[in-house]
PDB file of N, CA and C in Angstrom:
ATOM      1  N   UNK A   1      30.963  58.836  82.219  1.00  0.00           N
ATOM      2  CA  UNK A   1      30.384  58.427  80.368  1.00  0.00           C
ATOM      3  C   UNK A   1      31.432  58.366  79.679  1.00  0.00           C
ATOM      4  N   UNK A   2      31.467  57.774  78.457  1.00  0.00           N
ATOM      5  CA  UNK A   2      33.000  58.439  77.516  1.00  0.00           C
ATOM      6  C   UNK A   2      32.496  58.984  77.001  1.00  0.00           C
ATOM      7  N   UNK A   3      33.130  59.941  76.039  1.00  0.00           N
ATOM      8  CA  UNK A   3      32.641  60.613  75.119  1.00  0.00           C
ATOM      9  C   UNK A   3      31.947  60.258  73.533  1.00  0.00           C
ATOM     10  N   UNK A   4      32.391  58.988  73.784  1.00  0.00           N
ATOM     11  CA  UNK A   4      31.361  58.232  72.647  1.00  0.00           C
ATOM     12  C   UNK A   4      29.928  57.585  73.583  1.00  0.00           C
ATOM     13  N   UNK A   5      29.877  57.338  74.558  1.00  0.00           N
ATOM     14  CA  UNK A   5      28.504  56.923  74.975  1.00  0.00           C
ATOM     15  C   UNK A   5      28.158  58.688  74.586  1.00  0.00           C
ATOM     16  N   UNK A   6      28.175  60.115  74.948  1.00  0.00           N
ATOM     17  CA  UNK A   6      27.454  60.805  74.504  1.00  0.00           C
ATOM     18  C   UNK A   6      27.178  61.490  73.266  1.00  0.00           C
ATOM     19  N   UNK A   7      28.175  60.756  72.831  1.00  0.00           N
ATOM     20  CA  UNK A   7      27.701  60.850  70.788  1.00  0.00           C
ATOM     21  C   UNK A   7      26.768  60.346  70.796  1.00  0.00           C
ATOM     22  N   UNK A   8      27.146  59.057  71.251  1.00  0.00           N
ATOM     23  CA  UNK A   8      25.802  58.283  70.679  1.00  0.00           C
ATOM     24  C   UNK A   8      24.599  58.497  71.017  1.00  0.00           C
ATOM     25  N   UNK A   9      24.388  59.342  72.275  1.00  0.00           N
ATOM     26  CA  UNK A   9      23.091  59.532  72.904  1.00  0.00           C
ATOM     27  C   UNK A   9      22.371  60.793  72.372  1.00  0.00           C
ATOM     28  N   UNK A  10      23.710  61.911  71.660  1.00  0.00           N
ATOM     29  CA  UNK A  10      23.082  62.759  70.905  1.00  0.00           C
ATOM     30  C   UNK A  10      22.336  62.387  69.689  1.00  0.00           C
ATOM     31  N   UNK A  11      23.227  61.892  69.111  1.00  0.00           N
ATOM     32  CA  UNK A  11      23.110  61.013  67.796  1.00  0.00           C
ATOM     33  C   UNK A  11      21.964  60.459  67.914  1.00  0.00           C
ATOM     34  N   UNK A  12      21.037  59.419  68.801  1.00  0.00           N
ATOM     35  CA  UNK A  12      19.992  58.977  68.526  1.00  0.00           C
ATOM     36  C   UNK A  12      19.229  60.238  68.862  1.00  0.00           C
ATOM     37  N   UNK A  13      19.093  61.028  69.732  1.00  0.00           N
ATOM     38  CA  UNK A  13      18.183  62.339  69.893  1.00  0.00           C
ATOM     39  C   UNK A  13      17.741  63.089  69.009  1.00  0.00           C
ATOM     40  N   UNK A  14      19.065  63.090  68.245  1.00  0.00           N
ATOM     41  CA  UNK A  14      18.844  64.174  66.843  1.00  0.00           C
ATOM     42  C   UNK A  14      17.622  63.393  65.925  1.00  0.00           C
ATOM     43  N   UNK A  15      18.909  62.051  65.574  1.00  0.00           N
ATOM     44  CA  UNK A  15      17.470  61.001  64.624  1.00  0.00           C
ATOM     45  C   UNK A  15      16.415  61.050  65.216  1.00  0.00           C
ATOM     46  N   UNK A  16      15.814  60.979  66.517  1.00  0.00           N
ATOM     47  CA  UNK A  16      14.612  60.815  66.834  1.00  0.00           C
ATOM     48  C   UNK A  16      13.460  62.257  66.449  1.00  0.00           C
ATOM     49  N   UNK A  17      14.432  63.568  66.796  1.00  0.00           N
ATOM     50  CA  UNK A  17      14.113  64.853  66.829  1.00  0.00           C
ATOM     51  C   UNK A  17      13.735  65.396  64.966  1.00  0.00           C
ATOM     52  N   UNK A  18      14.754  64.509  63.927  1.00  0.00           N
ATOM     53  CA  UNK A  18      14.396  64.773  62.493  1.00  0.00           C
ATOM     54  C   UNK A  18      13.304  63.474  62.398  1.00  0.00           C
ATOM     55  N   UNK A  19      13.092  62.687  62.584  1.00  0.00           N
ATOM     56  CA  UNK A  19      12.115  61.578  62.387  1.00  0.00           C
ATOM     57  C   UNK A  19      10.678  62.332  62.664  1.00  0.00           C
ATOM     58  N   UNK A  20      10.581  62.673  63.861  1.00  0.00           N
ATOM     59  CA  UNK A  20       9.255  62.963  64.294  1.00  0.00           C
ATOM     60  C   UNK A  20       9.105  64.169  63.761  1.00  0.00           C
ATOM     61  N   UNK A  21       9.445  65.500  63.466  1.00  0.00           N
ATOM     62  CA  UNK A  21       9.809  66.315  62.687  1.00  0.00           C
ATOM     63  C   UNK A  21       8.625  65.923  61.095  1.00  0.00           C
ATOM     64  N   UNK A  22       9.727  65.423  59.983  1.00  0.00           N
ATOM     65  CA  UNK A  22       9.651  64.872  59.491  1.00  0.00           C
ATOM     66  C   UNK A  22       8.030  64.269  59.162  1.00  0.00           C
ATOM     67  N   UNK A  23       7.783  63.208  59.822  1.00  0.00           N
ATOM     68  CA  UNK A  23       6.691  62.661  60.144  1.00  0.00           C
ATOM     69  C   UNK A  23       5.421  63.641  60.172  1.00  0.00           C
ATOM     70  N   UNK A  24       5.547  64.605  61.495  1.00  0.00           N
ATOM     71  CA  UNK A  24       4.556  65.271  61.182  1.00  0.00           C
ATOM     72  C   UNK A  24       4.605  66.948  60.398  1.00  0.00           C
ATOM     73  N   UNK A  25       5.391  66.695  59.683  1.00  0.00           N
ATOM     74  CA  UNK A  25       5.025  67.318  58.764  1.00  0.00           C
ATOM     75  C   UNK A  25       4.288  66.858  57.650  1.00  0.00           C
ATOM     76  N   UNK A  26       5.263  65.184  57.101  1.00  0.00           N
ATOM     77  CA  UNK A  26       4.333  65.125  55.856  1.00  0.00           C
ATOM     78  C   UNK A  26       2.897  64.033  56.158  1.00  0.00           C
ATOM     79  N   UNK A  27       2.763  64.204  57.230  1.00  0.00           N
ATOM     80  CA  UNK A  27       1.224  63.600  57.282  1.00  0.00           C
ATOM     81  C   UNK A  27       0.279  64.805  57.621  1.00  0.00           C
ATOM     82  N   UNK A  28       0.806  65.399  57.663  1.00  0.00           N
ATOM     83  CA  UNK A  28      -0.099  67.202  57.129  1.00  0.00           C
ATOM     84  C   UNK A  28      -0.571  67.178  55.888  1.00  0.00           C
ATOM     85  N   UNK A  29       0.361  66.666  55.354  1.00  0.00           N
ATOM     86  CA  UNK A  29      -0.018  67.249  53.783  1.00  0.00           C
ATOM     87  C   UNK A  29      -0.962  66.706  52.692  1.00  0.00           C
ATOM     88  N   UNK A  30      -1.822  67.239  52.053  1.00  0.00           N
ATOM     89  CA  UNK A  30      -2.552  66.703  51.121  1.00  0.00           C
ATOM     90  C   UNK A  30      -2.335  66.618  50.052  1.00  0.00           C
ATOM     91  N   UNK A  31      -1.474  65.105  49.672  1.00  0.00           N
ATOM     92  CA  UNK A  31      -1.154  65.328  48.399  1.00  0.00           C
ATOM     93  C   UNK A  31      -0.887  63.784  48.252  1.00  0.00           C
ATOM     94  N   UNK A  32      -0.695  63.640  46.976  1.00  0.00           N
ATOM     95  CA  UNK A  32      -0.740  61.602  46.928  1.00  0.00           C
ATOM     96  C   UNK A  32       0.255  61.553  47.580  1.00  0.00           C
ATOM     97  N   UNK A  33      -0.212  59.748  48.108  1.00  0.00           N
ATOM     98  CA  UNK A  33       0.329  58.789  48.962  1.00  0.00           C
ATOM     99  C   UNK A  33       1.849  58.718  48.486  1.00  0.00           C
ATOM    100  N   UNK A  34       2.037  58.553  47.286  1.00  0.00           N
ATOM    101  CA  UNK A  34       3.103  57.919  46.269  1.00  0.00           C
ATOM    102  C   UNK A  34       3.957  58.984  46.833  1.00  0.00           C
ATOM    103  N   UNK A  35       3.780  60.745  46.635  1.00  0.00           N
ATOM    104  CA  UNK A  35       4.695  61.928  46.534  1.00  0.00           C
ATOM    105  C   UNK A  35       5.316  61.961  48.126  1.00  0.00           C
ATOM    106  N   UNK A  36       4.027  61.713  48.588  1.00  0.00           N
ATOM    107  CA  UNK A  36       4.025  61.591  50.068  1.00  0.00           C
ATOM    108  C   UNK A  36       5.270  60.862  50.917  1.00  0.00           C
ATOM    109  N   UNK A  37       5.299  59.660  50.156  1.00  0.00           N
ATOM    110  CA  UNK A  37       6.263  58.781  50.928  1.00  0.00           C
ATOM    111  C   UNK A  37       7.720  58.793  50.554  1.00  0.00           C
ATOM    112  N   UNK A  38       7.467  59.443  48.558  1.00  0.00           N
ATOM    113  CA  UNK A  38       8.863  59.859  48.359  1.00  0.00           C
ATOM    114  C   UNK A  38       9.651  60.591  49.259  1.00  0.00           C
ATOM    115  N   UNK A  39       8.766  61.248  49.547  1.00  0.00           N
ATOM    116  CA  UNK A  39       9.711  63.006  50.127  1.00  0.00           C
ATOM    117  C   UNK A  39       9.531  63.262  51.292  1.00  0.00           C
ATOM    118  N   UNK A  40       9.093  61.903  52.251  1.00  0.00           N
ATOM    119  CA  UNK A  40       9.423  61.615  53.285  1.00  0.00           C
ATOM    120  C   UNK A  40      11.070  60.999  53.258  1.00  0.00           C
ATOM    121  N   UNK A  41      10.874  59.979  52.250  1.00  0.00           N
ATOM    122  CA  UNK A  41      12.295  59.164  52.231  1.00  0.00           C
ATOM    123  C   UNK A  41      13.206  59.505  52.235  1.00  0.00           C
ATOM    124  N   UNK A  42      13.293  60.753  51.101  1.00  0.00           N
ATOM    125  CA  UNK A  42      14.390  61.361  50.799  1.00  0.00           C
ATOM    126  C   UNK A  42      14.743  62.542  51.556  1.00  0.00           C
ATOM    127  N   UNK A  43      13.684  63.195  52.412  1.00  0.00           N
ATOM    128  CA  UNK A  43      14.208  63.596  53.496  1.00  0.00           C
ATOM    129  C   UNK A  43      15.030  63.540  54.736  1.00  0.00           C
ATOM    130  N   UNK A  44      14.191  61.972  54.953  1.00  0.00           N
ATOM    131  CA  UNK A  44      14.853  61.075  56.179  1.00  0.00           C
ATOM    132  C   UNK A  44      16.729  60.519  55.522  1.00  0.00           C
ATOM    133  N   UNK A  45      16.329  60.514  54.738  1.00  0.00           N
ATOM    134  CA  UNK A  45      17.494  59.656  54.243  1.00  0.00           C
ATOM    135  C   UNK A  45      18.604  61.088  54.129  1.00  0.00           C
ATOM    136  N   UNK A  46      18.287  62.349  53.823  1.00  0.00           N
ATOM    137  CA  UNK A  46      19.318  63.343  53.606  1.00  0.00           C
ATOM    138  C   UNK A  46      19.714  63.775  55.252  1.00  0.00           C
ATOM    139  N   UNK A  47      18.663  63.586  55.436  1.00  0.00           N
ATOM    140  CA  UNK A  47      19.220  63.989  57.036  1.00  0.00           C
ATOM    141  C   UNK A  47      19.654  63.027  58.108  1.00  0.00           C
ATOM    142  N   UNK A  48      19.772  61.590  58.002  1.00  0.00           N
ATOM    143  CA  UNK A  48      20.794  61.108  58.518  1.00  0.00           C
ATOM    144  C   UNK A  48      22.007  61.026  58.458  1.00  0.00           C
ATOM    145  N   UNK A  49      22.341  61.189  56.725  1.00  0.00           N
ATOM    146  CA  UNK A  49      23.105  61.383  56.266  1.00  0.00           C
ATOM    147  C   UNK A  49      24.143  62.461  56.452  1.00  0.00           C
ATOM    148  N   UNK A  50      23.532  63.456  56.859  1.00  0.00           N
ATOM    149  CA  UNK A  50      24.392  64.858  57.322  1.00  0.00           C
ATOM    150  C   UNK A  50      24.403  64.472  58.528  1.00  0.00           C
ATOM    151  N   UNK A  51      23.691  64.025  59.361  1.00  0.00           N
ATOM    152  CA  UNK A  51      23.749  63.891  61.069  1.00  0.00           C
ATOM    153  C   UNK A  51      24.902  62.901  61.566  1.00  0.00           C
ATOM    154  N   UNK A  52      25.169  61.854  60.300  1.00  0.00           N
ATOM    155  CA  UNK A  52      25.498  60.890  60.574  1.00  0.00           C
ATOM    156  C   UNK A  52      27.375  61.319  59.938  1.00  0.00           C
ATOM    157  N   UNK A  53      27.290  62.011  58.847  1.00  0.00           N
ATOM    158  CA  UNK A  53      28.738  62.744  58.642  1.00  0.00           C
ATOM    159  C   UNK A  53      28.883  64.000  59.305  1.00  0.00           C
ATOM    160  N   UNK A  54      28.513  64.217  60.420  1.00  0.00           N
ATOM    161  CA  UNK A  54      29.023  65.488  61.113  1.00  0.00           C
ATOM    162  C   UNK A  54      29.474  64.877  62.190  1.00  0.00           C
ATOM    163  N   UNK A  55      28.773  63.848  62.327  1.00  0.00           N
ATOM    164  CA  UNK A  55      29.337  63.302  63.504  1.00  0.00           C
ATOM    165  C   UNK A  55      30.834  62.336  63.416  1.00  0.00           C
ATOM    166  N   UNK A  56      30.917  61.954  62.283  1.00  0.00           N
ATOM    167  CA  UNK A  56      32.392  61.444  61.764  1.00  0.00           C
ATOM    168  C   UNK A  56      33.215  62.359  61.965  1.00  0.00           C
ATOM    169  N   UNK A  57      32.919  63.577  61.763  1.00  0.00           N
ATOM    170  CA  UNK A  57      34.260  64.305  61.585  1.00  0.00           C
ATOM    171  C   UNK A  57      34.139  65.217  62.603  1.00  0.00           C
ATOM    172  N   UNK A  58      33.596  64.802  64.413  1.00  0.00           N
ATOM    173  CA  UNK A  58      33.801  65.064  65.520  1.00  0.00           C
ATOM    174  C   UNK A  58      34.389  64.954  66.255  1.00  0.00           C
ATOM    175  N   UNK A  59      35.796  65.195  66.478  1.00  0.00           N
ATOM    176  CA  UNK A  59      36.959  65.080  67.093  1.00  0.00           C
ATOM    177  C   UNK A  59      37.040  64.460  68.431  1.00  0.00           C
ATOM    178  N   UNK A  60      37.124  63.488  69.296  1.00  0.00           N
ATOM    179  CA  UNK A  60      37.762  63.615  70.410  1.00  0.00           C
ATOM    180  C   UNK A  60      38.427  64.272  71.326  1.00  0.00           C
ATOM    181  N   UNK A  61      38.099  64.986  72.432  1.00  0.00           N
ATOM    182  CA  UNK A  61      39.068  65.817  72.987  1.00  0.00           C
ATOM    183  C   UNK A  61      38.954  65.397  74.401  1.00  0.00           C
TER     184      UNK A  61
END
C-alpha cells in the first residue's frame, strides 16, 4: 500500500472522529436550533480545514 493510500485512510478516520464527536456534543446541548446548527457548521468546517491543511504539509518519505 502506498503512502498516499495510508494518508487517505487516516484522513477519513480523522474526519469521521471529528464529525461524530461534534455531532454528539451539539446534540446534547439545549440551545436554539439555529445557534446549534451554526455552531456545528463552524466547528466542522474549521476542523475539516485544519485536518486538510495539516495533510498538505505532510511530506512523503
